[in-house]
């Protein structure tokens, strides 16, 4: 029995030994396989990293583009909304109508003392204050001809007023600069009520009355010296209103200089807006703001000179030509000269630099 069981026990031991060795080899093989798969996995991750970084960069760039486009679209929508809202505000709010035309709340430069023109390099200019009405005060600057600039140092207002009686012509300048004083003219300019440091509320009637008051003040001191009225931009409406009233009372300025048809050129940006007349012209006219240069031409009897730059971006050039075509055949001008002087766009005079023209002295004389 013993002989028979030994071989069985040995056989079982051998089987167990062989089984353990085979399981060990299997485990070793399994470990090797797992290690290989892990290495392959790590290798795969390593090769995929650049692609992931590139994708992330593209996503960030795309996100920035979307954010920029969103902001731009938001700005465009705000501008469009503001553009569309203005006509309704003009129609519904009478106070805005005057602000849109006069723009007297826009002061550039803002931080200057208008009482001291010498601070702006105008050592030959004196500041006055006149009172056209009880509750209105307007600031006036008087620039003397260049030949007197040295004598003007330290002189008071009385000296400047007396100088108006000299044999130099006088320009009443309705809003603009005083560059023409170098041509041998006195230049008197003022801020309408509500502009600069002038007190009052702007209106067409009030601005015209201010100009008439300053004209009478000049004439009371200048004797027989000729007075030229020069209107620029919105001042052209005031100029033709003033000259019309002077002609109606039997006196006129020697010349009226004007570069636009009427004040509504200030809303030309809306000229092709649907319902332009209903939104703009009707409410502005009903508010008493007309500055109708074209209508005034029929009632003015004095020499007229119209200066206009072809590249004027504010008042379209064709309006100056249209004003001339209205005035030239008018019977009120039959005994007076009417002249239209265009300035080529290559000169770059645009809306406010005609005074720089070297031809201007010859034109005025």
Protein backbone atom coordinates (compact mmCIF):
# COMPACT_ATOMS: atom_id res chain seq x y z
CA UNK A 1 0.00 0.00 0.00
CA UNK A 2 2.80 2.20 0.88
CA UNK A 3 4.50 1.66 -2.40
CA UNK A 4 1.33 2.45 -4.18
CA UNK A 5 0.60 5.68 -2.28
CA UNK A 6 4.08 7.17 -2.55
CA UNK A 7 3.96 7.56 -6.21
CA UNK A 8 0.53 9.16 -5.81
CA UNK A 9 1.84 11.62 -3.21
CA UNK A 10 4.89 12.39 -5.28
CA UNK A 11 2.68 12.83 -8.26
CA UNK A 12 0.51 15.25 -6.34
CA UNK A 13 3.55 17.14 -5.17
CA UNK A 14 4.90 17.27 -8.63
CA UNK A 15 1.57 18.51 -9.92
CA UNK A 16 1.45 21.11 -7.17
CA UNK A 17 4.99 22.18 -7.94
CA UNK A 18 4.33 22.32 -11.61
CA UNK A 19 1.05 24.14 -10.95
CA UNK A 20 2.73 26.73 -8.80
CA UNK A 21 5.45 27.22 -11.30
CA UNK A 22 2.96 27.52 -14.14
CA UNK A 23 0.82 29.96 -12.16
CA UNK A 24 3.91 31.97 -11.36
CA UNK A 25 4.88 32.11 -14.97
CA UNK A 26 1.29 33.03 -15.82
CA UNK A 27 1.34 35.78 -13.25
CA UNK A 28 4.65 36.97 -14.57
CA UNK A 29 3.26 36.94 -18.06
CA UNK A 30 0.21 38.85 -16.87
CA UNK A 31 2.35 41.41 -15.10
CA UNK A 32 4.46 41.84 -18.20
CA UNK A 33 1.33 42.29 -20.31
CA UNK A 34 -0.07 44.91 -17.88
CA UNK A 35 3.25 46.73 -17.85
CA UNK A 36 3.31 46.77 -21.63
CA UNK A 37 -0.25 48.10 -21.81
CA UNK A 38 0.55 50.78 -19.24
CA UNK A 39 3.63 51.82 -21.19
CA UNK A 40 1.60 51.97 -24.38
CA UNK A 41 -1.06 53.99 -22.59
CA UNK A 42 1.51 56.43 -21.27
CA UNK A 43 3.10 56.68 -24.68
CA UNK A 44 -0.29 57.37 -26.19
CA UNK A 45 -0.89 60.11 -23.68
CA UNK A 46 2.44 61.66 -24.44
CA UNK A 47 1.79 61.83 -28.15
CA UNK A 48 -1.73 63.27 -27.59
CA UNK A 49 -0.63 66.17 -25.36
CA UNK A 50 0.39 68.54 -28.24
CA UNK A 51 -2.98 68.01 -29.92
CA UNK A 52 -4.81 68.81 -26.69
CA UNK A 53 -2.80 72.04 -26.20
CA UNK A 54 -3.44 73.06 -29.80
CA UNK A 55 -7.16 72.43 -29.43
CA UNK A 56 -7.25 74.46 -26.22
CA UNK A 57 -5.45 77.37 -27.92
CA UNK A 58 -7.87 77.30 -30.83
CA UNK A 59 -10.81 77.28 -28.42
CA UNK A 60 -9.42 80.29 -26.55
CA UNK A 61 -8.83 82.23 -29.80
CA UNK A 62 -12.34 81.38 -30.98
CA UNK A 63 -13.72 82.49 -27.63
CA UNK A 64 -11.89 85.82 -27.90
CA UNK A 65 -13.24 86.36 -31.41
CA UNK A 66 -16.77 85.64 -30.27
CA UNK A 67 -16.36 88.01 -27.33
CA UNK A 68 -14.99 90.78 -29.59
CA UNK A 69 -17.78 90.31 -32.12
CA UNK A 70 -20.36 90.38 -29.32
CA UNK A 71 -18.97 93.67 -28.00
CA UNK A 72 -18.80 95.19 -31.48
CA UNK A 73 -22.35 94.12 -32.22
CA UNK A 74 -23.48 95.59 -28.91
CA UNK A 75 -21.80 98.92 -29.73
CA UNK A 76 -23.34 98.99 -33.23
CA UNK A 77 -26.79 98.26 -31.81
CA UNK A 78 -26.37 101.07 -29.25
CA UNK A 79 -25.31 103.55 -31.95
CA UNK A 80 -28.19 102.49 -34.18
CA UNK A 81 -30.63 102.76 -31.30
CA UNK A 82 -29.33 106.24 -30.45
CA UNK A 83 -29.57 107.30 -34.11
CA UNK A 84 -33.18 106.11 -34.32
CA UNK A 85 -34.12 107.59 -30.93
CA UNK A 86 -33.02 111.16 -31.76
CA UNK A 87 -35.84 111.88 -34.29
CA UNK A 88 -38.45 110.78 -31.73
CA UNK A 89 -36.83 112.90 -29.01
CA UNK A 90 -36.82 115.90 -31.36
CA UNK A 91 -40.48 115.35 -32.20
CA UNK A 92 -41.66 114.81 -28.62
CA UNK A 93 -39.38 117.15 -26.63
CA UNK A 94 -39.39 120.83 -27.71
CA UNK A 95 -36.39 121.61 -25.49
CA UNK A 96 -34.19 119.20 -27.43
CA UNK A 97 -35.11 120.87 -30.72
CA UNK A 98 -33.39 124.09 -29.70
CA UNK A 99 -30.40 122.22 -28.26
CA UNK A 100 -29.94 120.34 -31.53
CA UNK A 101 -29.91 123.53 -33.59
CA UNK A 102 -27.94 125.82 -31.27
CA UNK A 103 -25.52 123.34 -29.61
CA UNK A 104 -24.70 126.13 -27.14
CA UNK A 105 -23.94 123.54 -24.45
CA UNK A 106 -20.86 122.45 -26.42
CA UNK A 107 -17.99 124.70 -25.32
CA UNK A 108 -14.54 124.09 -26.79
CA UNK A 109 -12.18 124.97 -25.23
CA UNK A 110 -14.09 124.93 -21.95
CA UNK A 111 -11.67 126.09 -19.26
CA UNK A 112 -10.87 129.61 -20.45
CA UNK A 113 -11.63 133.02 -18.97
CA UNK A 114 -13.50 134.95 -21.67
CA UNK A 115 -12.96 138.16 -19.72
CA UNK A 116 -9.25 137.93 -20.56
CA UNK A 117 -8.73 137.54 -24.32
CA UNK A 118 -5.04 138.30 -23.72
CA UNK A 119 -4.76 134.84 -22.13
CA UNK A 120 -5.46 133.46 -25.61
CA UNK A 121 -2.70 135.57 -27.17
CA UNK A 122 -5.06 138.40 -28.18
CA UNK A 123 -3.21 141.36 -26.65
CA UNK A 124 -5.00 143.68 -29.09
CA UNK A 125 -8.54 142.64 -28.08
CA UNK A 126 -10.85 144.13 -25.44
CA UNK A 127 -13.74 142.38 -23.70
CA UNK A 128 -17.04 144.26 -23.25
CA UNK A 129 -20.43 143.38 -21.80
CA UNK A 130 -23.58 144.79 -23.38
CA UNK A 131 -27.21 144.45 -22.22
CA UNK A 132 -29.72 144.11 -25.07
CA UNK A 133 -32.57 143.40 -22.62
CA UNK A 134 -33.11 143.60 -18.87
CA UNK A 135 -32.37 139.95 -18.17
CA UNK A 136 -29.80 139.42 -20.93
CA UNK A 137 -26.07 140.22 -20.94
CA UNK A 138 -23.79 139.39 -23.87
CA UNK A 139 -20.01 139.23 -23.97
CA UNK A 140 -18.28 141.10 -26.82
CA UNK A 141 -14.69 140.96 -28.13
CA UNK A 142 -13.35 143.92 -30.10
CA UNK A 143 -10.15 143.37 -32.07
CA UNK A 144 -8.53 146.46 -33.57
CA UNK A 145 -6.68 146.63 -36.92
CA UNK A 146 -3.17 145.19 -36.87
CA UNK A 147 -1.57 148.63 -37.44
CA UNK A 148 -2.69 149.63 -33.93
CA UNK A 149 -1.69 146.48 -32.07
CA UNK A 150 1.34 148.09 -30.40
CA UNK A 151 -0.62 151.18 -29.36
CA UNK A 152 -3.35 149.02 -27.84
CA UNK A 153 -1.17 147.61 -25.05
CA UNK A 154 -2.62 148.53 -21.66
CA UNK A 155 -5.51 150.59 -23.09
CA UNK A 156 -8.96 150.53 -21.49
CA UNK A 157 -12.42 149.97 -22.95
CA UNK A 158 -13.00 153.67 -23.65
CA UNK A 159 -9.92 153.78 -25.87
CA UNK A 160 -11.20 150.79 -27.88
CA UNK A 161 -14.65 152.33 -28.26
CA UNK A 162 -13.17 155.62 -29.49
CA UNK A 163 -11.06 153.67 -31.99
CA UNK A 164 -14.22 152.60 -33.82
CA UNK A 165 -14.51 156.16 -35.13
CA UNK A 166 -11.23 155.82 -37.04
CA UNK A 167 -11.20 155.53 -40.81
CA UNK A 168 -11.00 151.72 -40.74
CA UNK A 169 -13.95 149.57 -41.85
CA UNK A 170 -15.65 147.39 -39.27
CA UNK A 171 -16.70 143.74 -39.51
CA UNK A 172 -19.47 142.51 -37.26
CA UNK A 173 -18.57 138.83 -37.11
CA UNK A 174 -21.41 136.51 -36.14
CA UNK A 175 -19.64 133.57 -34.55
CA UNK A 176 -16.20 132.79 -35.87
CA UNK A 177 -12.58 133.84 -35.40
CA UNK A 178 -11.13 137.34 -35.77
CA UNK A 179 -8.37 136.52 -38.25
CA UNK A 180 -9.46 139.26 -40.68
CA UNK A 181 -8.17 142.02 -38.36
CA UNK A 182 -4.80 141.72 -40.13
CA UNK A 183 -6.51 143.07 -43.28
CA UNK A 184 -7.01 146.49 -41.68
CA UNK A 185 -10.48 146.00 -40.22
CA UNK A 186 -11.91 146.35 -36.76
CA UNK A 187 -13.52 143.03 -35.86
CA UNK A 188 -16.35 142.97 -33.33
CA UNK A 189 -17.68 139.54 -32.41
CA UNK A 190 -19.90 138.42 -29.55
CA UNK A 191 -21.48 135.38 -27.94
CA UNK A 192 -25.24 135.18 -28.38
CA UNK A 193 -27.31 134.88 -25.22
CA UNK A 194 -26.72 131.40 -23.79
CA UNK A 195 -23.26 130.99 -25.38
CA UNK A 196 -19.92 131.47 -23.65
CA UNK A 197 -20.34 133.76 -20.64
CA UNK A 198 -23.40 135.51 -22.09
CA UNK A 199 -26.53 135.29 -19.95
CA UNK A 200 -29.91 134.25 -21.32
CA UNK A 201 -31.70 131.51 -23.22
CA UNK A 202 -30.95 131.16 -26.96
CA UNK A 203 -33.72 131.65 -29.50
CA UNK A 204 -33.80 132.90 -33.08
CA UNK A 205 -35.57 136.10 -32.07
CA UNK A 206 -33.18 136.71 -29.17
CA UNK A 207 -30.04 136.03 -31.22
CA UNK A 208 -31.22 138.36 -33.97
CA UNK A 209 -32.00 141.05 -31.39
CA UNK A 210 -28.53 140.61 -29.86
CA UNK A 211 -26.95 141.16 -33.28
CA UNK A 212 -29.12 144.23 -33.92
CA UNK A 213 -28.15 145.68 -30.54
CA UNK A 214 -24.44 145.19 -31.21
CA UNK A 215 -24.81 146.71 -34.70
CA UNK A 216 -26.51 149.81 -33.27
CA UNK A 217 -23.82 150.04 -30.58
CA UNK A 218 -21.14 150.00 -33.29
CA UNK A 219 -22.90 152.57 -35.47
CA UNK A 220 -23.29 154.92 -32.51
CA UNK A 221 -19.49 154.99 -32.20
CA UNK A 222 -18.22 154.50 -35.76
CA UNK A 223 -19.81 157.44 -37.56
CA UNK A 224 -19.81 156.96 -41.31
CA UNK A 225 -17.34 154.08 -41.35
CA UNK A 226 -18.69 151.15 -43.36
CA UNK A 227 -19.90 148.13 -41.39
CA UNK A 228 -19.67 144.68 -42.95
CA UNK A 229 -21.71 141.82 -41.53
CA UNK A 230 -20.03 138.44 -41.77
CA UNK A 231 -22.05 135.37 -40.86
CA UNK A 232 -20.53 131.93 -40.55
CA UNK A 233 -22.35 128.60 -40.20
CA UNK A 234 -25.32 129.20 -37.87
CA UNK A 235 -24.34 132.88 -37.87
CA UNK A 236 -25.44 133.15 -41.51
CA UNK A 237 -29.05 132.80 -40.38
CA UNK A 238 -28.53 135.55 -37.82
CA UNK A 239 -26.76 137.68 -40.46
CA UNK A 240 -29.56 137.55 -43.01
CA UNK A 241 -32.16 138.13 -40.29
CA UNK A 242 -30.21 141.17 -39.14
CA UNK A 243 -29.67 142.64 -42.61
CA UNK A 244 -33.33 142.11 -43.51
CA UNK A 245 -34.38 144.17 -40.47
CA UNK A 246 -31.83 146.88 -41.26
CA UNK A 247 -33.13 147.11 -44.80
CA UNK A 248 -36.73 147.26 -43.57
CA UNK A 249 -35.91 150.26 -41.39
CA UNK A 250 -34.10 152.00 -44.22
CA UNK A 251 -30.46 151.25 -43.50
CA UNK A 252 -28.21 148.42 -44.44
CA UNK A 253 -24.75 147.12 -43.95
CA UNK A 254 -22.31 147.64 -46.77
CA UNK A 255 -22.03 143.89 -47.32
CA UNK A 256 -23.53 140.68 -46.01
CA UNK A 257 -21.30 137.62 -46.24
CA UNK A 258 -22.95 134.25 -45.91
CA UNK A 259 -22.04 130.62 -46.77
CA UNK A 260 -25.22 128.55 -46.37
CA UNK A 261 -28.88 128.32 -47.31
CA UNK A 262 -30.45 127.92 -43.87
CA UNK A 263 -29.89 126.50 -40.42
CA UNK A 264 -31.41 123.13 -41.18
CA UNK A 265 -28.13 122.03 -42.73
CA UNK A 266 -27.24 121.09 -39.12
CA UNK A 267 -29.47 118.01 -39.42
CA UNK A 268 -28.30 116.96 -42.88
CA UNK A 269 -27.18 113.63 -41.43
CA UNK A 270 -30.90 112.76 -41.20
CA UNK A 271 -31.84 114.18 -44.59
CA UNK A 272 -32.75 110.73 -45.99
CA UNK A 273 -34.26 109.44 -42.76
CA UNK A 274 -37.88 108.27 -43.35
CA UNK A 275 -40.24 111.06 -42.31
CA UNK A 276 -37.47 113.69 -42.15
CA UNK A 277 -39.87 116.65 -42.56
CA UNK A 278 -42.30 115.33 -39.96
CA UNK A 279 -39.59 114.46 -37.43
CA UNK A 280 -37.36 117.53 -37.86
CA UNK A 281 -38.54 120.41 -40.00
CA UNK A 282 -42.14 120.60 -38.80
CA UNK A 283 -41.39 120.65 -35.03
CA UNK A 284 -38.40 122.97 -35.42
CA UNK A 285 -40.41 125.40 -37.55
CA UNK A 286 -43.36 125.26 -35.15
CA UNK A 287 -40.92 126.19 -32.36
CA UNK A 288 -40.10 129.42 -34.17
CA UNK A 289 -36.63 128.36 -35.36
CA UNK A 290 -36.31 129.07 -39.09
CA UNK A 291 -33.19 131.09 -40.00
CA UNK A 292 -34.63 131.12 -43.50
CA UNK A 293 -31.78 132.63 -45.52
CA UNK A 294 -33.55 131.75 -48.75
CA UNK A 295 -36.66 133.72 -47.73
CA UNK A 296 -34.59 136.63 -46.38
CA UNK A 297 -32.90 137.02 -49.77
CA UNK A 298 -36.16 138.41 -51.13
CA UNK A 299 -36.10 141.29 -48.66
CA UNK A 300 -32.42 142.31 -48.61
CA UNK A 301 -31.14 145.26 -50.63
CA UNK A 302 -27.39 145.55 -50.19
CA UNK A 303 -24.27 144.07 -51.79
CA UNK A 304 -24.02 140.35 -51.07
CA UNK A 305 -20.92 138.16 -51.12
CA UNK A 306 -21.25 134.39 -50.65
CA UNK A 307 -18.09 132.41 -49.87
CA UNK A 308 -18.21 128.61 -49.83
CA UNK A 309 -15.64 125.80 -49.86
CA UNK A 310 -16.42 122.83 -52.09
CA UNK A 311 -15.21 120.40 -49.43
CA UNK A 312 -17.36 121.81 -46.63
CA UNK A 313 -18.49 118.71 -44.66
CA UNK A 314 -21.04 120.59 -42.52
CA UNK A 315 -22.90 122.77 -45.02
CA UNK A 316 -23.07 121.02 -48.42
CA UNK A 317 -21.61 123.13 -51.21
CA UNK A 318 -24.78 122.94 -53.31
CA UNK A 319 -26.65 124.93 -50.64
CA UNK A 320 -24.33 127.91 -51.14
CA UNK A 321 -24.88 127.72 -54.89
CA UNK A 322 -28.63 127.43 -54.32
CA UNK A 323 -28.63 130.55 -52.15
CA UNK A 324 -26.82 132.48 -54.88
CA UNK A 325 -29.34 131.28 -57.49
CA UNK A 326 -32.13 132.62 -55.28
CA UNK A 327 -30.49 135.99 -54.62
CA UNK A 328 -29.06 136.81 -58.05
CA UNK A 329 -32.38 137.21 -59.93
CA UNK A 330 -34.22 138.74 -56.96
CA UNK A 331 -35.60 142.22 -57.59
CA UNK A 332 -34.41 143.35 -54.15
CA UNK A 333 -30.80 143.05 -55.40
CA UNK A 334 -31.35 144.73 -58.78
CA UNK A 335 -29.21 147.77 -57.82
CA UNK A 336 -26.57 145.81 -55.90
CA UNK A 337 -23.83 143.37 -56.70
CA UNK A 338 -24.33 139.71 -55.80
CA UNK A 339 -21.24 137.54 -56.00
CA UNK A 340 -20.53 133.86 -55.35
CA UNK A 341 -16.93 132.79 -54.69
CA UNK A 342 -16.25 129.03 -54.52
CA UNK A 343 -13.05 127.58 -53.07
CA UNK A 344 -11.77 124.38 -54.65
CA UNK A 345 -11.68 121.29 -52.48
CA UNK A 346 -7.92 120.91 -53.09
CA UNK A 347 -7.38 123.98 -50.88
CA UNK A 348 -8.73 122.10 -47.86
CA UNK A 349 -10.64 125.07 -46.38
CA UNK A 350 -13.61 122.86 -45.46
CA UNK A 351 -16.12 124.51 -43.09
CA UNK A 352 -14.13 127.14 -41.21
CA UNK A 353 -10.78 127.91 -42.85
CA UNK A 354 -11.72 130.25 -45.72
CA UNK A 355 -10.16 133.08 -43.73
CA UNK A 356 -6.75 131.49 -44.47
CA UNK A 357 -7.10 132.14 -48.20
CA UNK A 358 -4.42 134.52 -49.52
CA UNK A 359 -7.06 135.72 -52.02
CA UNK A 360 -9.37 136.98 -49.29
CA UNK A 361 -7.93 140.54 -49.07
CA UNK A 362 -8.40 140.99 -52.81
CA UNK A 363 -11.92 139.53 -52.68
CA UNK A 364 -12.99 141.83 -49.85
CA UNK A 365 -11.47 144.95 -51.35
